[in-house]
Each structure stands twice: as C-alpha cells, then as structure tokens.
C-alpha atoms as a PDB file:
ATOM      1  CA  MET A   1      44.544  24.947  -9.931  1.00  0.00           C
ATOM      2  CA  GLY A   2      46.681  21.913 -10.658  1.00  0.00           C
ATOM      3  CA  PRO A   3      48.515  19.679 -10.444  1.00  0.00           C
ATOM      4  CA  GLN A   4      47.206  18.526  -7.088  1.00  0.00           C
ATOM      5  CA  SER A   5      50.528  16.973  -6.059  1.00  0.00           C
ATOM      6  CA  GLU A   6      52.163  20.436  -6.131  1.00  0.00           C
ATOM      7  CA  TRP A   7      49.562  22.394  -4.153  1.00  0.00           C
ATOM      8  CA  TRP A   8      51.898  22.877  -1.178  1.00  0.00           C
ATOM      9  CA  THR A   9      55.356  22.160  -2.598  1.00  0.00           C
ATOM     10  CA  HIS A  10      56.307  25.671  -3.739  1.00  0.00           C
ATOM     11  CA  GLN A  11      55.865  27.659  -0.522  1.00  0.00           C
ATOM     12  CA  ASP A  12      57.538  28.278   2.849  1.00  0.00           C
ATOM     13  CA  ILE A  13      54.682  29.434   5.081  1.00  0.00           C
ATOM     14  CA  ASN A  14      53.720  25.853   5.994  1.00  0.00           C
ATOM     15  CA  LYS A  15      56.879  23.766   5.826  1.00  0.00           C
ATOM     16  CA  SER A  16      55.188  20.636   7.162  1.00  0.00           C
ATOM     17  CA  ARG A  17      52.742  20.524   4.249  1.00  0.00           C
ATOM     18  CA  ARG A  18      55.583  21.282   1.841  1.00  0.00           C
ATOM     19  CA  ASP A  19      57.866  18.536   3.172  1.00  0.00           C
ATOM     20  CA  ASN A  20      55.027  15.993   3.264  1.00  0.00           C
ATOM     21  CA  LYS A  21      53.919  16.987  -0.268  1.00  0.00           C
ATOM     22  CA  ALA A  22      50.384  17.374   1.037  1.00  0.00           C
ATOM     23  CA  ASP A  23      47.668  17.048  -1.610  1.00  0.00           C
ATOM     24  CA  TRP A  24      44.863  18.344   0.619  1.00  0.00           C
ATOM     25  CA  PRO A  25      43.368  20.819   1.299  1.00  0.00           C
ATOM     26  CA  PRO A  26      43.586  23.222  -1.665  1.00  0.00           C
ATOM     27  CA  ASP A  27      45.155  26.670  -1.366  1.00  0.00           C
ATOM     28  CA  PRO A  28      42.912  28.553   1.122  1.00  0.00           C
ATOM     29  CA  TYR A  29      43.856  31.943  -0.332  1.00  0.00           C
ATOM     30  CA  LEU A  30      42.417  30.951  -3.714  1.00  0.00           C
ATOM     31  CA  ILE A  31      39.452  28.951  -2.381  1.00  0.00           C
ATOM     32  CA  TYR A  32      38.304  30.989   0.626  1.00  0.00           C
ATOM     33  CA  GLY A  33      39.939  34.396   0.144  1.00  0.00           C
ATOM     34  CA  ASN A  34      37.864  37.559  -0.229  1.00  0.00           C
ATOM     35  CA  TYR A  35      37.342  38.757  -3.797  1.00  0.00           C
ATOM     36  CA  ASP A  36      36.931  42.429  -4.644  1.00  0.00           C
ATOM     37  CA  ILE A  37      34.414  43.452  -7.304  1.00  0.00           C
ATOM     38  CA  VAL A  38      36.206  45.674  -9.815  1.00  0.00           C
ATOM     39  CA  LYS A  39      33.511  45.913 -12.484  1.00  0.00           C
ATOM     40  CA  GLN A  40      29.866  44.926 -12.820  1.00  0.00           C
ATOM     41  CA  ASN A  41      26.646  45.577 -14.675  1.00  0.00           C
ATOM     42  CA  ASP A  42      23.371  43.709 -15.221  1.00  0.00           C
ATOM     43  CA  SER A  43      25.042  40.889 -17.190  1.00  0.00           C
ATOM     44  CA  TYR A  44      28.694  40.932 -16.139  1.00  0.00           C
ATOM     45  CA  ILE A  45      30.873  40.853 -13.028  1.00  0.00           C
ATOM     46  CA  LYS A  46      34.653  40.901 -12.609  1.00  0.00           C
ATOM     47  CA  MET A  47      36.359  40.043  -9.307  1.00  0.00           C
ATOM     48  CA  THR A  48      39.992  40.047  -8.155  1.00  0.00           C
ATOM     49  CA  GLY A  49      41.210  37.698  -5.447  1.00  0.00           C
ATOM     50  CA  PRO A  50      44.100  37.883  -2.985  1.00  0.00           C
ATOM     51  CA  ALA A  51      47.719  37.243  -3.928  1.00  0.00           C
ATOM     52  CA  SER A  52      48.509  33.770  -2.612  1.00  0.00           C
ATOM     53  CA  PRO A  53      51.858  33.069  -0.918  1.00  0.00           C
ATOM     54  CA  VAL A  54      51.031  29.359  -1.236  1.00  0.00           C
ATOM     55  CA  SER A  55      50.532  29.132  -5.003  1.00  0.00           C
ATOM     56  CA  GLY A  56      52.274  32.311  -6.094  1.00  0.00           C
ATOM     57  CA  VAL A  57      49.317  33.559  -8.134  1.00  0.00           C
ATOM     58  CA  LYS A  58      46.181  35.607  -7.820  1.00  0.00           C
ATOM     59  CA  PHE A  59      42.918  34.888  -9.613  1.00  0.00           C
ATOM     60  CA  ILE A  60      40.733  37.258 -11.600  1.00  0.00           C
ATOM     61  CA  LYS A  61      37.247  35.812 -12.156  1.00  0.00           C
ATOM     62  CA  GLU A  62      34.696  37.000 -14.720  1.00  0.00           C
ATOM     63  CA  ILE A  63      31.089  35.866 -15.154  1.00  0.00           C
ATOM     64  CA  SER A  64      28.923  37.086 -18.025  1.00  0.00           C
ATOM     65  CA  ILE A  65      25.458  36.311 -19.368  1.00  0.00           C
ATOM     66  CA  GLU A  66      25.719  36.071 -23.149  1.00  0.00           C
ATOM     67  CA  ASN A  67      23.118  37.217 -25.701  1.00  0.00           C
ATOM     68  CA  ASN A  68      22.167  33.593 -26.459  1.00  0.00           C
ATOM     69  CA  GLY A  69      21.362  32.924 -22.790  1.00  0.00           C
ATOM     70  CA  SER A  70      24.516  30.971 -21.986  1.00  0.00           C
ATOM     71  CA  VAL A  71      26.742  31.905 -19.033  1.00  0.00           C
ATOM     72  CA  LYS A  72      30.486  32.310 -19.487  1.00  0.00           C
ATOM     73  CA  PHE A  73      32.941  31.727 -16.636  1.00  0.00           C
ATOM     74  CA  THR A  74      36.551  32.865 -17.118  1.00  0.00           C
ATOM     75  CA  VAL A  75      39.373  32.625 -14.593  1.00  0.00           C
ATOM     76  CA  THR A  76      42.737  34.306 -15.117  1.00  0.00           C
ATOM     77  CA  ALA A  77      45.847  33.478 -13.078  1.00  0.00           C
ATOM     78  CA  GLU A  78      48.564  36.092 -12.645  1.00  0.00           C
ATOM     79  CA  ASN A  79      52.043  35.177 -11.402  1.00  0.00           C
ATOM     80  CA  ILE A  80      52.714  37.471  -8.418  1.00  0.00           C
ATOM     81  CA  ARG A  81      56.187  36.077  -7.669  1.00  0.00           C
ATOM     82  CA  GLU A  82      59.576  37.214  -8.929  1.00  0.00           C
ATOM     83  CA  VAL A  83      60.276  33.699 -10.244  1.00  0.00           C
ATOM     84  CA  ASN A  84      58.459  31.468 -12.718  1.00  0.00           C
ATOM     85  CA  VAL A  85      55.303  29.636 -11.618  1.00  0.00           C
ATOM     86  CA  SER A  86      53.956  26.484 -13.336  1.00  0.00           C
ATOM     87  CA  LEU A  87      50.303  25.454 -13.088  1.00  0.00           C
ATOM     88  CA  ASP A  88      47.062  24.613 -14.830  1.00  0.00           C
ATOM     89  CA  LEU A  89      43.606  26.090 -14.272  1.00  0.00           C
ATOM     90  CA  TRP A  90      41.131  23.564 -12.921  1.00  0.00           C
ATOM     91  CA  MET A  91      37.347  24.064 -12.879  1.00  0.00           C
ATOM     92  CA  ASN A  92      35.049  21.810 -10.864  1.00  0.00           C
ATOM     93  CA  THR A  93      31.246  21.612 -10.987  1.00  0.00           C
ATOM     94  CA  ARG A  94      29.449  19.569  -8.317  1.00  0.00           C
ATOM     95  CA  LEU A  95      26.149  17.716  -8.724  1.00  0.00           C
ATOM     96  CA  ASP A  96      24.211  15.142  -6.735  1.00  0.00           C
ATOM     97  CA  GLY A  97      25.989  11.785  -6.784  1.00  0.00           C
ATOM     98  CA  PHE A  98      23.103  10.071  -8.588  1.00  0.00           C
ATOM     99  CA  ALA A  99      23.010  12.680 -11.359  1.00  0.00           C
ATOM    100  CA  LYS A 100      24.373  11.521 -14.714  1.00  0.00           C
ATOM    101  CA  GLY A 101      27.482  13.072 -16.214  1.00  0.00           C
ATOM    102  CA  TYR A 102      28.168  12.271 -19.887  1.00  0.00           C
ATOM    103  CA  VAL A 103      31.552  12.744 -21.580  1.00  0.00           C
ATOM    104  CA  PRO A 104      32.048  12.033 -25.313  1.00  0.00           C
ATOM    105  CA  ILE A 105      35.041   9.728 -25.815  1.00  0.00           C
ATOM    106  CA  ASP A 106      36.600   7.500 -28.455  1.00  0.00           C
ATOM    107  CA  GLU A 107      38.207   4.086 -27.957  1.00  0.00           C
ATOM    108  CA  ASN A 108      41.300   5.606 -26.323  1.00  0.00           C
ATOM    109  CA  GLY A 109      39.392   8.115 -24.225  1.00  0.00           C
ATOM    110  CA  ILE A 110      39.879   6.507 -20.807  1.00  0.00           C
ATOM    111  CA  LEU A 111      43.302   7.518 -19.524  1.00  0.00           C
ATOM    112  CA  LYS A 112      43.117   6.290 -15.936  1.00  0.00           C
ATOM    113  CA  LEU A 113      40.723   4.794 -13.387  1.00  0.00           C
ATOM    114  CA  VAL A 114      42.110   5.973 -10.052  1.00  0.00           C
ATOM    115  CA  LYS A 115      40.305   4.123  -7.245  1.00  0.00           C
ATOM    116  CA  LYS A 116      40.713   0.454  -6.272  1.00  0.00           C
ATOM    117  CA  GLU A 117      38.417  -1.779  -4.236  1.00  0.00           C
ATOM    118  CA  SER A 118      39.131  -2.186  -0.523  1.00  0.00           C
ATOM    119  CA  ASP A 119      37.524  -3.728   2.554  1.00  0.00           C
ATOM    120  CA  ASN A 120      35.713  -0.436   3.134  1.00  0.00           C
ATOM    121  CA  SER A 121      34.799   0.628  -0.395  1.00  0.00           C
ATOM    122  CA  GLU A 122      33.826  -0.638  -3.812  1.00  0.00           C
ATOM    123  CA  VAL A 123      34.480   1.097  -7.115  1.00  0.00           C
ATOM    124  CA  THR A 124      31.676   2.884  -8.914  1.00  0.00           C
ATOM    125  CA  PRO A 125      30.783   1.040 -12.134  1.00  0.00           C
ATOM    126  CA  TYR A 126      30.830   2.900 -15.418  1.00  0.00           C
ATOM    127  CA  ARG A 127      29.343   2.396 -18.869  1.00  0.00           C
ATOM    128  CA  ILE A 128      29.930   3.628 -22.392  1.00  0.00           C
ATOM    129  CA  GLU A 129      26.889   4.060 -24.625  1.00  0.00           C
ATOM    130  CA  GLU A 130      26.794   5.801 -28.008  1.00  0.00           C
ATOM    131  CA  ASP A 131      30.446   6.764 -27.348  1.00  0.00           C
ATOM    132  CA  TYR A 132      29.552   8.566 -24.101  1.00  0.00           C
ATOM    133  CA  PHE A 133      31.220   7.668 -20.799  1.00  0.00           C
ATOM    134  CA  TYR A 134      29.173   7.889 -17.602  1.00  0.00           C
ATOM    135  CA  PHE A 135      29.159   6.511 -14.068  1.00  0.00           C
ATOM    136  CA  ASN A 136      26.317   4.236 -12.938  1.00  0.00           C
ATOM    137  CA  PRO A 137      26.381   4.471  -9.128  1.00  0.00           C
ATOM    138  CA  SER A 138      24.360   2.525  -6.572  1.00  0.00           C
ATOM    139  CA  ILE A 139      24.232   2.085  -2.798  1.00  0.00           C
ATOM    140  CA  PRO A 140      27.300   0.002  -1.812  1.00  0.00           C
ATOM    141  CA  GLU A 141      26.605  -3.510  -0.588  1.00  0.00           C
ATOM    142  CA  HIS A 142      27.291  -4.338   3.069  1.00  0.00           C
ATOM    143  CA  PRO A 143      29.872  -4.517   4.610  1.00  0.00           C
ATOM    144  CA  ARG A 144      31.382  -1.879   2.339  1.00  0.00           C
ATOM    145  CA  ARG A 145      30.492   1.637   3.404  1.00  0.00           C
ATOM    146  CA  GLU A 146      31.112   3.628   0.236  1.00  0.00           C
ATOM    147  CA  GLN A 147      31.209   3.409  -3.526  1.00  0.00           C
ATOM    148  CA  VAL A 148      33.740   5.694  -5.189  1.00  0.00           C
ATOM    149  CA  GLN A 149      35.661   6.184  -8.418  1.00  0.00           C
ATOM    150  CA  GLU A 150      37.643   8.855 -10.235  1.00  0.00           C
ATOM    151  CA  VAL A 151      38.384   8.711 -13.953  1.00  0.00           C
ATOM    152  CA  HIS A 152      40.697  10.775 -16.164  1.00  0.00           C
ATOM    153  CA  LEU A 153      39.434  11.179 -19.725  1.00  0.00           C
ATOM    154  CA  ASN A 154      40.562  12.544 -23.063  1.00  0.00           C
ATOM    155  CA  PRO A 155      37.235  13.633 -24.610  1.00  0.00           C
ATOM    156  CA  ARG A 156      36.648  13.604 -28.358  1.00  0.00           C
ATOM    157  CA  ALA A 157      34.859  16.981 -28.114  1.00  0.00           C
ATOM    158  CA  GLY A 158      34.989  19.954 -25.767  1.00  0.00           C
ATOM    159  CA  PHE A 159      31.929  19.471 -23.582  1.00  0.00           C
ATOM    160  CA  ILE A 160      30.438  17.602 -20.620  1.00  0.00           C
ATOM    161  CA  ALA A 161      26.709  17.167 -19.960  1.00  0.00           C
ATOM    162  CA  GLY A 162      25.073  16.754 -16.576  1.00  0.00           C
ATOM    163  CA  PHE A 163      21.483  15.546 -16.070  1.00  0.00           C
ATOM    164  CA  ASN A 164      19.854  16.193 -12.703  1.00  0.00           C
ATOM    165  CA  LYS A 165      16.092  15.682 -12.369  1.00  0.00           C
ATOM    166  CA  ARG A 166      14.425  18.048 -14.868  1.00  0.00           C
ATOM    167  CA  GLN A 167      17.525  19.901 -16.027  1.00  0.00           C
ATOM    168  CA  MET A 168      20.379  19.329 -18.449  1.00  0.00           C
ATOM    169  CA  LEU A 169      23.602  21.328 -18.067  1.00  0.00           C
ATOM    170  CA  ILE A 170      26.096  21.459 -20.943  1.00  0.00           C
ATOM    171  CA  ILE A 171      29.573  22.725 -20.039  1.00  0.00           C
ATOM    172  CA  ARG A 172      31.658  23.726 -23.069  1.00  0.00           C
ATOM    173  CA  PHE A 173      35.409  24.329 -23.133  1.00  0.00           C
ATOM    174  CA  GLU A 174      38.346  24.310 -25.522  1.00  0.00           C
ATOM    175  CA  LYS A 175      39.287  20.841 -26.742  1.00  0.00           C
ATOM    176  CA  LEU A 176      43.006  20.569 -25.996  1.00  0.00           C
ATOM    177  CA  ASN A 177      45.567  18.076 -27.235  1.00  0.00           C
ATOM    178  CA  LYS A 178      46.181  15.750 -24.284  1.00  0.00           C
ATOM    179  CA  GLN A 179      49.912  16.530 -24.507  1.00  0.00           C
ATOM    180  CA  LEU A 180      49.120  20.039 -23.221  1.00  0.00           C
ATOM    181  CA  VAL A 181      47.504  18.695 -20.030  1.00  0.00           C
ATOM    182  CA  HIS A 182      49.668  17.849 -17.011  1.00  0.00           C
ATOM    183  CA  PRO A 183      50.304  14.054 -16.994  1.00  0.00           C
ATOM    184  CA  GLU A 184      48.880  13.779 -13.481  1.00  0.00           C
ATOM    185  CA  HIS A 185      45.470  14.814 -14.800  1.00  0.00           C
ATOM    186  CA  GLY A 186      43.101  14.544 -17.761  1.00  0.00           C
ATOM    187  CA  LEU A 187      41.446  17.298 -19.735  1.00  0.00           C
ATOM    188  CA  VAL A 188      38.207  15.971 -18.184  1.00  0.00           C
ATOM    189  CA  GLU A 189      37.900  14.172 -14.863  1.00  0.00           C
ATOM    190  CA  LEU A 190      34.809  12.718 -13.210  1.00  0.00           C
ATOM    191  CA  TYR A 191      34.596  11.861  -9.516  1.00  0.00           C
ATOM    192  CA  ASN A 192      31.651   9.929  -8.076  1.00  0.00           C
ATOM    193  CA  PHE A 193      30.930   9.099  -4.416  1.00  0.00           C
ATOM    194  CA  VAL A 194      27.965   7.410  -2.700  1.00  0.00           C
ATOM    195  CA  ASN A 195      27.869   6.322   0.943  1.00  0.00           C
ATOM    196  CA  GLU A 196      26.071   3.323   2.449  1.00  0.00           C
ATOM    197  CA  LYS A 197      22.986   5.352   3.424  1.00  0.00           C
ATOM    198  CA  GLY A 198      22.752   7.270   0.176  1.00  0.00           C
ATOM    199  CA  ASP A 199      22.618  10.565   2.067  1.00  0.00           C
ATOM    200  CA  ASP A 200      26.158  11.684   1.200  1.00  0.00           C
ATOM    201  CA  THR A 201      26.630  11.642  -2.565  1.00  0.00           C
ATOM    202  CA  LEU A 202      28.680  13.638  -5.046  1.00  0.00           C
ATOM    203  CA  LEU A 203      29.398  13.852  -8.767  1.00  0.00           C
ATOM    204  CA  GLU A 204      32.163  16.218  -9.847  1.00  0.00           C
ATOM    205  CA  LEU A 205      32.539  17.401 -13.448  1.00  0.00           C
ATOM    206  CA  GLU A 206      36.126  18.649 -13.714  1.00  0.00           C
ATOM    207  CA  VAL A 207      38.058  20.306 -16.536  1.00  0.00           C
ATOM    208  CA  HIS A 208      41.803  21.085 -16.656  1.00  0.00           C
ATOM    209  CA  GLY A 209      43.316  23.770 -18.843  1.00  0.00           C
ATOM    210  CA  ALA A 210      46.803  23.580 -20.330  1.00  0.00           C
ATOM    211  CA  TYR A 211      49.762  23.238 -17.971  1.00  0.00           C
ATOM    212  CA  ARG A 212      51.960  26.303 -18.464  1.00  0.00           C
ATOM    213  CA  THR A 213      54.889  28.147 -16.941  1.00  0.00           C
ATOM    214  CA  LEU A 214      54.214  31.822 -16.252  1.00  0.00           C
ATOM    215  CA  LEU A 215      56.969  34.432 -16.085  1.00  0.00           C
ATOM    216  CA  PRO A 216      56.733  37.026 -13.294  1.00  0.00           C
ATOM    217  CA  GLY A 217      53.664  39.169 -13.956  1.00  0.00           C
ATOM    218  CA  GLU A 218      52.465  36.935 -16.808  1.00  0.00           C
ATOM    219  CA  THR A 219      48.861  35.717 -16.982  1.00  0.00           C
ATOM    220  CA  MET A 220      46.842  32.886 -18.502  1.00  0.00           C
ATOM    221  CA  SER A 221      43.095  32.251 -18.696  1.00  0.00           C
ATOM    222  CA  TRP A 222      40.596  29.412 -19.016  1.00  0.00           C
ATOM    223  CA  THR A 223      36.909  29.619 -19.918  1.00  0.00           C
ATOM    224  CA  GLU A 224      33.839  27.438 -19.536  1.00  0.00           C
ATOM    225  CA  THR A 225      30.471  28.239 -21.113  1.00  0.00           C
ATOM    226  CA  TRP A 226      27.351  26.849 -19.463  1.00  0.00           C
ATOM    227  CA  GLU A 227      23.995  26.147 -21.115  1.00  0.00           C
ATOM    228  CA  LEU A 228      21.005  25.051 -19.022  1.00  0.00           C
ATOM    229  CA  TYR A 229      17.988  23.361 -20.608  1.00  0.00           C
ATOM    230  CA  PRO A 230      14.724  21.925 -19.261  1.00  0.00           C
ATOM    231  CA  TYR A 231      14.504  18.138 -19.421  1.00  0.00           C
ATOM    232  CA  HIS A 232      11.175  16.339 -19.093  1.00  0.00           C
ATOM    233  CA  GLY A 233      12.261  12.816 -19.962  1.00  0.00           C
ATOM    234  CA  ASN A 234      13.009   9.940 -17.607  1.00  0.00           C
ATOM    235  CA  THR A 235      16.321   8.641 -16.294  1.00  0.00           C
ATOM    236  CA  ASN A 236      16.828   6.241 -19.205  1.00  0.00           C
ATOM    237  CA  THR A 237      20.370   6.869 -20.451  1.00  0.00           C
ATOM    238  CA  CYS A 238      19.542   6.317 -24.128  1.00  0.00           C
ATOM    239  CA  GLN A 239      16.818   8.959 -23.901  1.00  0.00           C
ATOM    240  CA  GLN A 240      19.144  11.380 -22.119  1.00  0.00           C
ATOM    241  CA  ILE A 241      21.900  10.898 -24.689  1.00  0.00           C
ATOM    242  CA  LYS A 242      19.459  11.415 -27.552  1.00  0.00           C
ATOM    243  CA  TYR A 243      18.252  14.638 -25.929  1.00  0.00           C
ATOM    244  CA  LEU A 244      21.861  15.772 -25.408  1.00  0.00           C
ATOM    245  CA  GLN A 245      22.798  15.099 -29.025  1.00  0.00           C
ATOM    246  CA  SER A 246      19.960  17.325 -30.217  1.00  0.00           C
ATOM    247  CA  TYR A 247      21.638  20.286 -28.469  1.00  0.00           C
ATOM    248  CA  VAL A 248      25.419  19.804 -28.720  1.00  0.00           C
ATOM    249  CA  ASN A 249      25.795  21.421 -32.143  1.00  0.00           C
ATOM    250  CA  ARG A 250      23.412  24.325 -31.587  1.00  0.00           C
ATOM    251  CA  MET A 251      25.843  26.905 -30.140  1.00  0.00           C
END
C-alpha cells in the first residue's frame, strides 16, 4: 500500500519509526502476516489477512483463473480503525533485472526519474521506442558498484509488458487519471537494479491504484489481470514490441 512516506506515520506501536517517518520496511502485518483461506475451488481462492495496527487496514486477496486463460488478482483493503484511513493499493511484480519491461507512454508520460548518480552507483539508462518506455541495463563500470533507477510514469494505456527469456507477461489494470494517484507516486513505476557482478539484479513492475480516504469499516479494491504468452523471438526490442502489439488488443 502507499504512499511509502506514510507507512509508519499513523501508528503508535513503534514510535521510533513513526517519529523518524521511516519508509522501510513495509508493514509486516500486511506483507508477512498469515492469511486464512475463506473460499476456494479449482479456479478461485479468497484469503483474509490480519488486521494491521500499523496501517489500520486488513487485506482480502482473491485470485481467479478466467475462462480465457488469464489470471485475475484482486486485493481489497478494509479500514479496521474507528477513524478515517487514507491509502492507495500498490501491486508489485518482480522479474530478473535484465528482463525487459515495456510501458506505453506519450510525450508527457515520464513524471519523475528518482535516482541520481553517485560515487558508488550509476543510473540505469532508458529508451523510448514506438512510444514504449523501457530500461536498458548493463553491468556498471568500475569503480561504481551498482546501476539503479526508478521512474514514475503516466501510461497512455492500462498495461505493462514484461519479457523474460521465452515468455511475455502482460499485466492489465484500470487506466486512471493521474490526478487520482498520490503525488508521491505514479500510476506505473519501474525499478531496475544491477550490481557489479551481475548476480544481484531486479526489475519491478509496479502499479498504484487511486489514493482514497476510507471511513471506518469502508473498503476499496484494485485488480490486475495477467496474461502469459510463449515468446520465441530474440532480445531485439523492436521485435519484442511488435510481438506485444499483436496481443494488446486481444482481450
């Protein structure tokens, strides 16, 4: 859930994190808490998580396999406090750092590039081809030990695509007006990290729902739909984008 700057600011069980406005780690009740299965069958499961004294919500998660073969992920947040709670729902999908993540954007699609160069790190380069944003990582040059970047984007359509070896993943979501997204974030965010040995790499495909204030007992939900396709082409970005475009309007 977001925004990240408020993860620990609305609780009293860890006053040090609250007073320091800690932005790490995330709420352990939501991330690591035990979830109870309340309903399931061959194509559907529904789970309820613990009520968090840190965030003031509990999560209900649903996963279903649809008739067209796609997989739908829905998370619902319920305000368990007796006062209002403000938040967004934030989904994060992790791939290998050298995988390609494509986001459709227009000329005003880049909202913010977060990371700056330092003595220890260089920023991950990016490119835009056929109106798709993607990172183009490489092993950082000595003496820098890492290459990293985070970007906040306003996509022109509600999907992200990830290519990893012989698979293409399309993640679909509701295309929101950027005014509905918390100003600290973007509807879509990409994070890329590669270390000097190339053995610690990460690409995160992140999506933020609308930032809302929930009354006591009120709920809100956010959904992603995943489609997984075989890919037998090479790593050429033009070929990957062409393959992606042949699928984006199918479902």
